[in-house]
Each structure stands twice: as C-alpha cells, then as structure tokens.
C-alpha atoms as a PDB file:
ATOM      1  CA  MET A   1     134.557 150.270  -3.690  1.00  0.00           C
ATOM      2  CA  PRO A   2     133.534 152.913  -6.579  1.00  0.00           C
ATOM      3  CA  ASN A   3     135.608 155.109  -8.811  1.00  0.00           C
ATOM      4  CA  SER A   4     135.563 158.230  -5.908  1.00  0.00           C
ATOM      5  CA  PRO A   5     139.163 159.896  -6.154  1.00  0.00           C
ATOM      6  CA  ASN A   6     139.476 158.789  -3.204  1.00  0.00           C
ATOM      7  CA  SER A   7     139.074 155.032  -3.720  1.00  0.00           C
ATOM      8  CA  PRO A   8     141.954 152.350  -3.946  1.00  0.00           C
ATOM      9  CA  ASN A   9     143.353 152.437  -7.629  1.00  0.00           C
ATOM     10  CA  GLY A  10     144.414 148.132  -7.125  1.00  0.00           C
ATOM     11  CA  PRO A  11     144.727 145.659  -5.022  1.00  0.00           C
ATOM     12  CA  ALA A  12     146.121 146.687  -1.421  1.00  0.00           C
ATOM     13  CA  THR A  13     149.219 144.625  -0.655  1.00  0.00           C
ATOM     14  CA  PRO A  14     150.113 143.124   2.857  1.00  0.00           C
ATOM     15  CA  ASN A  15     151.552 146.188   4.523  1.00  0.00           C
ATOM     16  CA  ALA A  16     149.973 149.419   2.381  1.00  0.00           C
ATOM     17  CA  PRO A  17     147.938 151.692   4.920  1.00  0.00           C
ATOM     18  CA  THR A  18     144.465 151.773   5.045  1.00  0.00           C
ATOM     19  CA  PRO A  19     143.044 152.807   1.789  1.00  0.00           C
ATOM     20  CA  ARG A  20     141.927 156.532   2.115  1.00  0.00           C
ATOM     21  CA  LEU A  21     137.806 156.269   1.621  1.00  0.00           C
ATOM     22  CA  THR A  22     135.456 158.394   1.195  1.00  0.00           C
ATOM     23  CA  VAL A  23     132.311 158.163   4.033  1.00  0.00           C
ATOM     24  CA  ALA A  24     128.941 160.203   3.918  1.00  0.00           C
ATOM     25  CA  VAL A  25     127.321 159.829   7.737  1.00  0.00           C
ATOM     26  CA  LEU A  26     123.789 160.022   7.400  1.00  0.00           C
ATOM     27  CA  GLY A  27     122.535 161.179  10.527  1.00  0.00           C
ATOM     28  CA  PRO A  28     125.711 162.753  12.746  1.00  0.00           C
ATOM     29  CA  GLY A  29     124.441 161.999  16.433  1.00  0.00           C
ATOM     30  CA  GLY A  30     125.965 160.175  18.892  1.00  0.00           C
ATOM     31  CA  VAL A  31     126.796 157.282  17.342  1.00  0.00           C
ATOM     32  CA  GLY A  32     127.141 158.886  13.810  1.00  0.00           C
ATOM     33  CA  GLY A  33     128.863 161.246  14.968  1.00  0.00           C
ATOM     34  CA  LEU A  34     131.093 159.126  16.795  1.00  0.00           C
ATOM     35  CA  LEU A  35     132.225 157.024  13.876  1.00  0.00           C
ATOM     36  CA  ALA A  36     132.334 160.372  11.302  1.00  0.00           C
ATOM     37  CA  ALA A  37     135.672 161.915  13.632  1.00  0.00           C
ATOM     38  CA  LEU A  38     137.077 159.005  14.424  1.00  0.00           C
ATOM     39  CA  LEU A  39     137.082 158.271  10.682  1.00  0.00           C
ATOM     40  CA  SER A  40     138.437 161.850   9.691  1.00  0.00           C
ATOM     41  CA  ARG A  41     140.853 161.265  12.284  1.00  0.00           C
ATOM     42  CA  SER A  42     142.054 158.405  10.828  1.00  0.00           C
ATOM     43  CA  GLY A  43     142.276 160.117   7.041  1.00  0.00           C
ATOM     44  CA  HIS A  44     139.033 160.316   5.681  1.00  0.00           C
ATOM     45  CA  ARG A  45     137.628 162.317   3.724  1.00  0.00           C
ATOM     46  CA  VAL A  46     133.903 162.876   5.694  1.00  0.00           C
ATOM     47  CA  LEU A  47     130.788 164.673   4.610  1.00  0.00           C
ATOM     48  CA  CYS A  48     127.662 164.187   7.525  1.00  0.00           C
ATOM     49  CA  LEU A  49     124.923 164.940   6.414  1.00  0.00           C
ATOM     50  CA  ALA A  50     121.997 166.974   8.476  1.00  0.00           C
ATOM     51  CA  GLY A  51     119.229 170.001   8.270  1.00  0.00           C
ATOM     52  CA  GLU A  52     121.255 173.418   7.509  1.00  0.00           C
ATOM     53  CA  GLU A  53     121.287 174.439  10.460  1.00  0.00           C
ATOM     54  CA  THR A  54     123.132 171.665  11.914  1.00  0.00           C
ATOM     55  CA  ALA A  55     125.599 171.054   8.674  1.00  0.00           C
ATOM     56  CA  HIS A  56     126.442 174.950   9.057  1.00  0.00           C
ATOM     57  CA  THR A  57     127.680 174.090  12.925  1.00  0.00           C
ATOM     58  CA  LEU A  58     129.826 170.863  11.525  1.00  0.00           C
ATOM     59  CA  ARG A  59     131.147 172.881   8.740  1.00  0.00           C
ATOM     60  CA  THR A  60     132.649 175.498  10.501  1.00  0.00           C
ATOM     61  CA  THR A  61     133.787 174.326  14.014  1.00  0.00           C
ATOM     62  CA  GLY A  62     134.096 170.218  12.850  1.00  0.00           C
ATOM     63  CA  LEU A  63     132.871 167.219  15.215  1.00  0.00           C
ATOM     64  CA  HIS A  64     134.181 167.676  18.648  1.00  0.00           C
ATOM     65  CA  VAL A  65     134.810 164.289  21.030  1.00  0.00           C
ATOM     66  CA  ARG A  66     135.072 163.243  24.897  1.00  0.00           C
ATOM     67  CA  SER A  67     135.293 159.869  25.486  1.00  0.00           C
ATOM     68  CA  PRO A  68     137.677 157.496  27.768  1.00  0.00           C
ATOM     69  CA  LEU A  69     138.295 155.400  25.540  1.00  0.00           C
ATOM     70  CA  PHE A  70     139.436 157.448  22.313  1.00  0.00           C
ATOM     71  CA  GLY A  71     140.345 161.472  24.360  1.00  0.00           C
ATOM     72  CA  ASP A  72     139.465 164.177  23.512  1.00  0.00           C
ATOM     73  CA  PHE A  73     139.146 165.765  20.332  1.00  0.00           C
ATOM     74  CA  THR A  74     137.855 167.288  17.603  1.00  0.00           C
ATOM     75  CA  ALA A  75     138.068 166.591  13.988  1.00  0.00           C
ATOM     76  CA  PRO A  76     136.952 167.913  10.603  1.00  0.00           C
ATOM     77  CA  VAL A  77     134.327 167.338   9.133  1.00  0.00           C
ATOM     78  CA  GLU A  78     132.594 168.494   5.555  1.00  0.00           C
ATOM     79  CA  ALA A  79     129.026 168.762   5.778  1.00  0.00           C
ATOM     80  CA  ASP A  80     125.580 169.392   3.376  1.00  0.00           C
ATOM     81  CA  THR A  81     121.753 168.828   3.861  1.00  0.00           C
ATOM     82  CA  ASP A  82     122.016 166.133   0.543  1.00  0.00           C
ATOM     83  CA  LEU A  83     123.722 164.066  -1.344  1.00  0.00           C
ATOM     84  CA  ARG A  84     125.155 165.023  -4.177  1.00  0.00           C
ATOM     85  CA  GLU A  85     128.169 163.154  -4.890  1.00  0.00           C
ATOM     86  CA  PRO A  86     129.730 159.717  -4.649  1.00  0.00           C
ATOM     87  CA  VAL A  87     131.084 158.123  -2.282  1.00  0.00           C
ATOM     88  CA  ASP A  88     132.326 154.762  -0.945  1.00  0.00           C
ATOM     89  CA  ALA A  89     130.094 154.378   1.675  1.00  0.00           C
ATOM     90  CA  CYS A  90     127.394 155.683   3.835  1.00  0.00           C
ATOM     91  CA  LEU A  91     126.496 155.166   7.765  1.00  0.00           C
ATOM     92  CA  VAL A  92     122.896 155.244   8.326  1.00  0.00           C
ATOM     93  CA  THR A  93     123.022 156.308  12.323  1.00  0.00           C
ATOM     94  CA  VAL A  94     119.635 157.882  12.320  1.00  0.00           C
ATOM     95  CA  LYS A  95     116.882 156.784  15.220  1.00  0.00           C
ATOM     96  CA  ALA A  96     114.308 154.679  13.250  1.00  0.00           C
ATOM     97  CA  THR A  97     111.736 157.533  13.866  1.00  0.00           C
ATOM     98  CA  ALA A  98     112.943 159.618  12.188  1.00  0.00           C
ATOM     99  CA  LEU A  99     114.339 157.210   8.876  1.00  0.00           C
ATOM    100  CA  ASP A 100     111.685 158.238   6.771  1.00  0.00           C
ATOM    101  CA  ALA A 101     111.916 161.584   6.684  1.00  0.00           C
ATOM    102  CA  ALA A 102     116.510 161.260   6.643  1.00  0.00           C
ATOM    103  CA  LEU A 103     116.594 158.891   3.512  1.00  0.00           C
ATOM    104  CA  THR A 104     115.443 162.030   1.030  1.00  0.00           C
ATOM    105  CA  ARG A 105     119.072 162.987   2.133  1.00  0.00           C
ATOM    106  CA  ILE A 106     119.950 160.313  -0.185  1.00  0.00           C
ATOM    107  CA  PRO A 107     118.536 160.306  -3.498  1.00  0.00           C
ATOM    108  CA  PRO A 108     119.228 156.546  -5.193  1.00  0.00           C
ATOM    109  CA  ALA A 109     121.178 157.940  -8.352  1.00  0.00           C
ATOM    110  CA  ALA A 110     123.151 159.937  -5.815  1.00  0.00           C
ATOM    111  CA  LEU A 111     124.372 156.848  -3.660  1.00  0.00           C
ATOM    112  CA  GLY A 112     124.646 154.588  -6.921  1.00  0.00           C
ATOM    113  CA  ASP A 113     127.614 151.509  -6.147  1.00  0.00           C
ATOM    114  CA  ALA A 114     127.794 152.721  -2.475  1.00  0.00           C
ATOM    115  CA  LEU A 115     127.298 150.657   0.271  1.00  0.00           C
ATOM    116  CA  LEU A 116     124.607 151.654   2.934  1.00  0.00           C
ATOM    117  CA  VAL A 117     125.567 150.457   6.440  1.00  0.00           C
ATOM    118  CA  PRO A 118     122.060 151.257   9.012  1.00  0.00           C
ATOM    119  CA  PHE A 119     123.191 150.510  12.186  1.00  0.00           C
ATOM    120  CA  LEU A 120     119.968 150.630  13.105  1.00  0.00           C
ATOM    121  CA  ASN A 121     118.014 149.533  16.084  1.00  0.00           C
ATOM    122  CA  GLY A 122     115.581 147.036  15.190  1.00  0.00           C
ATOM    123  CA  VAL A 123     115.171 143.308  12.145  1.00  0.00           C
ATOM    124  CA  GLU A 124     112.753 145.195  10.061  1.00  0.00           C
ATOM    125  CA  HIS A 125     114.101 148.069   8.653  1.00  0.00           C
ATOM    126  CA  PRO A 126     116.857 145.909   6.020  1.00  0.00           C
ATOM    127  CA  ALA A 127     113.849 145.027   3.991  1.00  0.00           C
ATOM    128  CA  LEU A 128     112.443 148.604   4.365  1.00  0.00           C
ATOM    129  CA  LEU A 129     116.180 149.864   2.314  1.00  0.00           C
ATOM    130  CA  ARG A 130     115.839 147.092   0.071  1.00  0.00           C
ATOM    131  CA  ALA A 131     114.016 148.033  -1.804  1.00  0.00           C
ATOM    132  CA  ARG A 132     114.320 151.624  -1.835  1.00  0.00           C
ATOM    133  CA  TYR A 133     118.722 150.885  -2.896  1.00  0.00           C
ATOM    134  CA  ALA A 134     120.168 148.177  -4.885  1.00  0.00           C
ATOM    135  CA  PRO A 135     119.905 145.480  -2.802  1.00  0.00           C
ATOM    136  CA  ASP A 136     123.839 143.940  -2.787  1.00  0.00           C
ATOM    137  CA  ARG A 137     124.314 147.182  -1.456  1.00  0.00           C
ATOM    138  CA  VAL A 138     122.345 147.427   1.574  1.00  0.00           C
ATOM    139  CA  ALA A 139     125.135 145.830   4.217  1.00  0.00           C
ATOM    140  CA  PRO A 140     123.000 146.303   8.113  1.00  0.00           C
ATOM    141  CA  SER A 141     125.400 146.164  10.725  1.00  0.00           C
ATOM    142  CA  VAL A 142     125.423 146.660  14.452  1.00  0.00           C
ATOM    143  CA  ILE A 143     127.386 148.764  16.878  1.00  0.00           C
ATOM    144  CA  ARG A 144     127.822 147.946  20.277  1.00  0.00           C
ATOM    145  CA  VAL A 145     128.349 151.280  22.422  1.00  0.00           C
ATOM    146  CA  GLU A 146     127.018 154.017  24.526  1.00  0.00           C
ATOM    147  CA  SER A 147     127.858 157.869  23.251  1.00  0.00           C
ATOM    148  CA  THR A 148     124.984 160.503  22.943  1.00  0.00           C
ATOM    149  CA  ARG A 149     124.974 163.812  20.732  1.00  0.00           C
ATOM    150  CA  THR A 150     124.429 166.356  23.768  1.00  0.00           C
ATOM    151  CA  ALA A 151     124.453 169.451  21.100  1.00  0.00           C
ATOM    152  CA  PRO A 152     125.620 169.414  17.500  1.00  0.00           C
ATOM    153  CA  GLY A 153     128.487 168.521  16.588  1.00  0.00           C
ATOM    154  CA  LEU A 154     129.640 167.586  20.692  1.00  0.00           C
ATOM    155  CA  VAL A 155     129.459 163.674  21.103  1.00  0.00           C
ATOM    156  CA  GLU A 156     130.179 162.069  24.951  1.00  0.00           C
ATOM    157  CA  HIS A 157     131.354 158.326  24.498  1.00  0.00           C
ATOM    158  CA  THR A 158     131.277 156.908  27.673  1.00  0.00           C
ATOM    159  CA  SER A 159     131.519 153.225  27.059  1.00  0.00           C
ATOM    160  CA  PRO A 160     135.285 151.521  27.648  1.00  0.00           C
ATOM    161  CA  PHE A 161     134.123 149.956  24.210  1.00  0.00           C
ATOM    162  CA  ALA A 162     132.750 150.265  20.434  1.00  0.00           C
ATOM    163  CA  GLU A 163     132.091 147.601  18.753  1.00  0.00           C
ATOM    164  CA  ILE A 164     131.283 147.066  15.392  1.00  0.00           C
ATOM    165  CA  ASP A 165     129.429 143.718  13.398  1.00  0.00           C
ATOM    166  CA  LEU A 166     129.280 144.813   9.884  1.00  0.00           C
ATOM    167  CA  THR A 167     127.163 141.992   7.562  1.00  0.00           C
ATOM    168  CA  GLY A 168     125.202 142.063   4.365  1.00  0.00           C
ATOM    169  CA  ALA A 169     124.310 138.288   2.719  1.00  0.00           C
ATOM    170  CA  LYS A 170     124.698 140.000  -0.303  1.00  0.00           C
ATOM    171  CA  VAL A 171     126.926 142.575  -0.139  1.00  0.00           C
ATOM    172  CA  PRO A 172     130.366 141.240  -2.045  1.00  0.00           C
ATOM    173  CA  ARG A 173     133.310 140.395   0.289  1.00  0.00           C
ATOM    174  CA  PRO A 174     135.993 142.380  -0.317  1.00  0.00           C
ATOM    175  CA  ARG A 175     133.288 145.983   0.438  1.00  0.00           C
ATOM    176  CA  LEU A 176     132.987 145.076   3.800  1.00  0.00           C
ATOM    177  CA  GLU A 177     136.497 143.772   4.636  1.00  0.00           C
ATOM    178  CA  ALA A 178     137.471 147.004   3.113  1.00  0.00           C
ATOM    179  CA  LEU A 179     134.752 148.568   5.269  1.00  0.00           C
ATOM    180  CA  ALA A 180     135.754 146.605   8.166  1.00  0.00           C
ATOM    181  CA  GLU A 181     139.371 147.284   7.890  1.00  0.00           C
ATOM    182  CA  ALA A 182     138.943 151.137   7.562  1.00  0.00           C
ATOM    183  CA  LEU A 183     136.326 151.353  10.382  1.00  0.00           C
ATOM    184  CA  THR A 184     139.511 149.308  13.094  1.00  0.00           C
ATOM    185  CA  ALA A 185     142.041 151.808  11.813  1.00  0.00           C
ATOM    186  CA  ALA A 186     139.682 154.332  12.992  1.00  0.00           C
ATOM    187  CA  GLY A 187     138.667 152.408  16.709  1.00  0.00           C
ATOM    188  CA  PRO A 188     136.192 150.892  16.675  1.00  0.00           C
ATOM    189  CA  ALA A 189     137.724 147.008  16.772  1.00  0.00           C
ATOM    190  CA  THR A 190     134.940 145.572  13.504  1.00  0.00           C
ATOM    191  CA  ARG A 191     134.979 142.454  12.371  1.00  0.00           C
ATOM    192  CA  VAL A 192     132.677 140.938   9.518  1.00  0.00           C
ATOM    193  CA  LEU A 193     129.878 138.114  10.038  1.00  0.00           C
ATOM    194  CA  ASP A 194     128.079 135.886   7.439  1.00  0.00           C
ATOM    195  CA  ASP A 195     124.309 135.722   8.528  1.00  0.00           C
ATOM    196  CA  GLU A 196     122.857 138.566   9.005  1.00  0.00           C
ATOM    197  CA  THR A 197     119.935 137.002  10.785  1.00  0.00           C
ATOM    198  CA  THR A 198     122.106 136.069  13.516  1.00  0.00           C
ATOM    199  CA  ALA A 199     123.449 139.836  13.915  1.00  0.00           C
ATOM    200  CA  LEU A 200     120.583 141.464  14.041  1.00  0.00           C
ATOM    201  CA  TRP A 201     118.711 139.246  16.528  1.00  0.00           C
ATOM    202  CA  ALA A 202     121.801 138.919  18.833  1.00  0.00           C
ATOM    203  CA  LYS A 203     121.128 142.979  19.007  1.00  0.00           C
ATOM    204  CA  MET A 204     118.351 142.668  19.381  1.00  0.00           C
ATOM    205  CA  ALA A 205     117.563 139.671  22.328  1.00  0.00           C
ATOM    206  CA  PHE A 206     119.564 141.790  24.674  1.00  0.00           C
ATOM    207  CA  LEU A 207     118.280 145.535  23.631  1.00  0.00           C
ATOM    208  CA  ALA A 208     114.555 144.490  23.622  1.00  0.00           C
ATOM    209  CA  PRO A 209     114.076 143.137  27.479  1.00  0.00           C
ATOM    210  CA  LEU A 210     116.479 146.283  28.826  1.00  0.00           C
ATOM    211  CA  ALA A 211     114.739 148.756  26.783  1.00  0.00           C
ATOM    212  CA  LEU A 212     111.109 147.374  27.650  1.00  0.00           C
ATOM    213  CA  LEU A 213     111.996 147.308  31.152  1.00  0.00           C
ATOM    214  CA  THR A 214     114.178 150.649  32.162  1.00  0.00           C
ATOM    215  CA  THR A 215     111.221 152.901  30.094  1.00  0.00           C
ATOM    216  CA  ARG A 216     108.752 151.480  31.066  1.00  0.00           C
ATOM    217  CA  TYR A 217     109.886 151.102  34.692  1.00  0.00           C
ATOM    218  CA  SER A 218     112.103 154.910  34.142  1.00  0.00           C
ATOM    219  CA  LEU A 219     114.708 153.262  36.139  1.00  0.00           C
ATOM    220  CA  PRO A 220     117.718 152.830  35.617  1.00  0.00           C
ATOM    221  CA  LEU A 221     119.439 148.618  34.879  1.00  0.00           C
ATOM    222  CA  GLY A 222     120.510 148.642  37.799  1.00  0.00           C
ATOM    223  CA  GLU A 223     117.150 149.072  40.232  1.00  0.00           C
ATOM    224  CA  ALA A 224     115.473 147.299  36.816  1.00  0.00           C
ATOM    225  CA  ARG A 225     117.200 144.095  37.079  1.00  0.00           C
ATOM    226  CA  THR A 226     116.574 143.974  41.537  1.00  0.00           C
ATOM    227  CA  ARG A 227     113.299 145.847  41.328  1.00  0.00           C
ATOM    228  CA  HIS A 228     111.643 143.278  38.426  1.00  0.00           C
ATOM    229  CA  ARG A 229     113.790 140.816  38.831  1.00  0.00           C
ATOM    230  CA  GLU A 230     110.450 138.267  37.637  1.00  0.00           C
ATOM    231  CA  GLU A 231     109.929 140.637  34.746  1.00  0.00           C
ATOM    232  CA  LEU A 232     113.318 140.490  32.901  1.00  0.00           C
ATOM    233  CA  ALA A 233     113.434 137.241  33.359  1.00  0.00           C
ATOM    234  CA  SER A 234     110.174 136.526  30.893  1.00  0.00           C
ATOM    235  CA  LEU A 235     111.352 138.971  28.884  1.00  0.00           C
ATOM    236  CA  VAL A 236     114.706 137.998  28.062  1.00  0.00           C
ATOM    237  CA  ALA A 237     112.773 134.105  27.442  1.00  0.00           C
ATOM    238  CA  GLU A 238     110.433 135.562  25.098  1.00  0.00           C
ATOM    239  CA  THR A 239     112.392 137.385  22.774  1.00  0.00           C
ATOM    240  CA  ALA A 240     114.941 134.591  22.933  1.00  0.00           C
ATOM    241  CA  ALA A 241     112.405 132.498  22.173  1.00  0.00           C
ATOM    242  CA  VAL A 242     111.088 134.348  19.230  1.00  0.00           C
ATOM    243  CA  SER A 243     115.422 134.996  18.292  1.00  0.00           C
ATOM    244  CA  ARG A 244     114.944 131.884  18.078  1.00  0.00           C
ATOM    245  CA  ALA A 245     112.492 131.303  16.029  1.00  0.00           C
ATOM    246  CA  CYS A 246     113.741 133.797  13.283  1.00  0.00           C
ATOM    247  CA  GLY A 247     116.507 131.468  12.615  1.00  0.00           C
ATOM    248  CA  ALA A 248     119.370 133.407  15.315  1.00  0.00           C
ATOM    249  CA  PRO A 249     120.721 131.433  18.412  1.00  0.00           C
ATOM    250  CA  ALA A 250     119.366 132.626  21.940  1.00  0.00           C
ATOM    251  CA  ASP A 251     120.583 132.020  25.187  1.00  0.00           C
ATOM    252  CA  PRO A 252     118.837 133.636  28.040  1.00  0.00           C
ATOM    253  CA  ALA A 253     120.563 132.444  31.075  1.00  0.00           C
ATOM    254  CA  ARG A 254     124.015 134.494  29.037  1.00  0.00           C
ATOM    255  CA  ALA A 255     121.621 137.763  28.503  1.00  0.00           C
ATOM    256  CA  LEU A 256     120.531 137.677  32.114  1.00  0.00           C
ATOM    257  CA  ALA A 257     124.440 137.308  33.483  1.00  0.00           C
ATOM    258  CA  ARG A 258     125.761 140.561  30.759  1.00  0.00           C
ATOM    259  CA  TYR A 259     123.018 142.769  32.295  1.00  0.00           C
ATOM    260  CA  ASP A 260     124.077 142.155  35.880  1.00  0.00           C
ATOM    261  CA  ALA A 261     127.526 143.139  34.997  1.00  0.00           C
ATOM    262  CA  PHE A 262     126.774 145.669  33.228  1.00  0.00           C
ATOM    263  CA  PRO A 263     127.589 149.283  35.617  1.00  0.00           C
ATOM    264  CA  PRO A 264     124.104 149.704  38.214  1.00  0.00           C
ATOM    265  CA  ALA A 265     123.494 153.530  36.206  1.00  0.00           C
ATOM    266  CA  THR A 266     123.273 152.222  33.376  1.00  0.00           C
ATOM    267  CA  LYS A 267     120.394 153.313  30.795  1.00  0.00           C
ATOM    268  CA  SER A 268     118.490 152.247  27.547  1.00  0.00           C
ATOM    269  CA  SER A 269     118.806 154.727  24.347  1.00  0.00           C
ATOM    270  CA  MET A 270     115.129 154.898  24.591  1.00  0.00           C
ATOM    271  CA  GLN A 271     114.805 155.108  27.915  1.00  0.00           C
ATOM    272  CA  ARG A 272     117.165 158.421  27.409  1.00  0.00           C
ATOM    273  CA  ASP A 273     114.515 159.267  24.795  1.00  0.00           C
ATOM    274  CA  ALA A 274     111.560 158.975  26.668  1.00  0.00           C
ATOM    275  CA  GLU A 275     112.713 161.667  29.744  1.00  0.00           C
ATOM    276  CA  ALA A 276     114.194 164.229  26.941  1.00  0.00           C
ATOM    277  CA  GLY A 277     110.564 163.836  25.716  1.00  0.00           C
ATOM    278  CA  ARG A 278     111.869 162.157  22.308  1.00  0.00           C
ATOM    279  CA  PRO A 279     110.031 160.035  19.982  1.00  0.00           C
ATOM    280  CA  LEU A 280     110.520 156.114  21.259  1.00  0.00           C
ATOM    281  CA  GLU A 281     111.874 153.693  19.057  1.00  0.00           C
ATOM    282  CA  LEU A 282     109.074 151.476  20.611  1.00  0.00           C
ATOM    283  CA  ASP A 283     107.475 149.633  17.809  1.00  0.00           C
ATOM    284  CA  ALA A 284     110.846 149.820  16.074  1.00  0.00           C
ATOM    285  CA  ILE A 285     111.384 147.594  19.001  1.00  0.00           C
ATOM    286  CA  GLY A 286     108.878 146.578  20.369  1.00  0.00           C
ATOM    287  CA  GLY A 287     106.389 146.522  17.915  1.00  0.00           C
ATOM    288  CA  ALA A 288     108.688 144.163  15.996  1.00  0.00           C
ATOM    289  CA  LEU A 289     109.394 141.616  18.466  1.00  0.00           C
ATOM    290  CA  LEU A 290     105.468 141.334  19.146  1.00  0.00           C
ATOM    291  CA  ARG A 291     105.232 141.148  14.842  1.00  0.00           C
ATOM    292  CA  ALA A 292     107.647 138.454  14.652  1.00  0.00           C
ATOM    293  CA  ALA A 293     106.069 136.254  17.656  1.00  0.00           C
ATOM    294  CA  ASP A 294     103.117 136.616  15.710  1.00  0.00           C
ATOM    295  CA  ARG A 295     104.368 135.364  12.697  1.00  0.00           C
ATOM    296  CA  HIS A 296     106.062 132.509  13.921  1.00  0.00           C
ATOM    297  CA  GLY A 297     103.177 131.403  17.108  1.00  0.00           C
ATOM    298  CA  VAL A 298     105.431 132.223  19.911  1.00  0.00           C
ATOM    299  CA  PRO A 299     103.772 133.881  22.988  1.00  0.00           C
ATOM    300  CA  VAL A 300     105.339 136.877  24.555  1.00  0.00           C
ATOM    301  CA  PRO A 301     102.811 138.014  26.799  1.00  0.00           C
ATOM    302  CA  VAL A 302     104.717 140.032  29.166  1.00  0.00           C
ATOM    303  CA  THR A 303     106.541 141.466  26.039  1.00  0.00           C
ATOM    304  CA  ALA A 304     102.495 142.580  25.034  1.00  0.00           C
ATOM    305  CA  ARG A 305     101.875 144.436  28.074  1.00  0.00           C
ATOM    306  CA  ILE A 306     104.722 146.383  28.725  1.00  0.00           C
ATOM    307  CA  VAL A 307     104.540 147.439  25.066  1.00  0.00           C
ATOM    308  CA  ARG A 308     100.717 148.191  25.564  1.00  0.00           C
ATOM    309  CA  GLU A 309     101.409 150.263  29.189  1.00  0.00           C
ATOM    310  CA  LEU A 310     104.051 152.099  27.458  1.00  0.00           C
ATOM    311  CA  ARG A 311     102.469 153.057  24.247  1.00  0.00           C
ATOM    312  CA  GLU A 312      98.375 153.593  26.571  1.00  0.00           C
ATOM    313  CA  ALA A 313     100.707 155.836  28.486  1.00  0.00           C
ATOM    314  CA  GLY A 314     102.001 157.905  25.606  1.00  0.00           C
ATOM    315  CA  ARG A 315     105.202 156.695  25.554  1.00  0.00           C
END
C-alpha cells in the first residue's frame, strides 16, 4: 500500500490486528455504501466520493445500514466530490452507465499508487480502466450481494450473504491480500483469485441470463424460470458457450440449479433499474456478451433476440 499516514509500517505479524487503511469509495450506493460502512465500522478510514448533495448528507449523518447479516448500524465516513489525497485503495461501485462521468472524480495523478478496484457488471471495463490508470494497479473484482440504496446514506442489504473475489493479473499479490484481509475482517468473505478472466466470466455467465430474462418479461425469478424455462435454458447455454470461448469454464447445469435454488421473489438489478426508470446496464451485460460472441464466432440467437427486444422497447 502507498505510504499514507494510515498505511502499515512494515510486515504484519501473525497475531497483529488488520492494519488501518484509507479507502475511497466511488459511488456510495447499494454496494459501495455497504462496503464503506462495514470498513468504517471495522476501524478503517473511509472517504466516499459522490455529488455534493450526497457528500453533504454522508458528512452530516454517516451511512445507515440495515442488514440481517451484519445488523442495523450507522457508520461515520468522510465525503468529498473528488479524490484529493493519497489512499490505499479506491473501490469503484458505480453502475456501468455512470462510469465515464464518475471517473472524473478520481484524476490519475490523485490516485497515484493506490489500487483501483472496480465492482462493475460486465467484462469490458478493465481495459477501459487500464487505459486511463496504471495497469498494474487495476484489480477487477466481483461481489455477490443484494444491496440497495433506498436514499442518500441509507443502505438495505437483503441477502444472507456477501462474498467478494479480488483479482488482478498484474497487481502485486501482497496488495490484494492486504485488502482482502481488511474486507474479510469487516464482514464480506473475501478471497484472492489468480485467474481474472474466470472470475469475471463466472459472474457474467450467471448474471446475464438472469438480468436479460427478468427484465425482458418484467417478472421475478420464480415466475421467469417457470414460465420461460426454455428461454432461460437457452440463455444459460449460450452464455456458457461464450464464456468457454473466452477461456473461462462454465457449467450450464449448475447455473440452472442455482437459479432454481434462489427465492422466487428474487429480482435482478437490471429489472429493478427498469422498474425505477433508471438507465439499464444493457450494453455492459447484453451488449458485451454479443460482442464477445461475435469475436469468437459463437451463435447466440436467443440472447441476440432478447437484447434486441429490450433495445426496441426503449430499455
């Protein structure tokens, strides 16, 4: 980690407490707000980056979390509109549709040697970030969680789990392990994976069929998997084929079994965005899947049709 005032001064001993880090969070919404609050409660210094109104709210009232897993609590955080000082890591937790605008809040010179850890849907954002920031500090990662910002500074975490995979093919392993240790101590079970492609496509292979089907038919997962079973199976098979073509393993049968195990009322984040009239991550998920399929010559007719229908519906 960089030599900020809160960085460790030397190697940790086996029984030493987790070193105090300074962590910026770009986009303190459902995911970012949850991680910011948990890290703050665990004793780390947290700086949230957001618009002036949200930053003012966070500076004034902190972050309020309601969670069956982590409890109901309020955590103090610092907040600003832009990154202006050294940090150990910057978590990027905005939607893909807001990424370009949000990145103006973290100038490359200000980010310096800090890790840049994007928790974004899709598989194309690492290349964009590595073109703008130091490639060996970009650590594309995956989080499995259901968490929603219901108002500025208020986060509802509803899933009985919160799991993180940290990756980064060129990032120094000790940097990833130090952040993983801090996150695990704060709450979310976190592991460091060597294969970035596998980690990103594992989420994509599960997320894309769920997001596309539930949003296309405006149905929760329980009804979608029953009424549109054949389409779900086709989406899963097509996405798995693209994943394998990109070098990542995929198991369609296991994916279908996971969908069947989820509560019937489950909704995808894309579906929730559609219901709220927010921009959809259709291009980051469906578009990226189609582009990867085209590059590798993998036929994906059902995926292509559903993406087209969502686009034609103005989604």
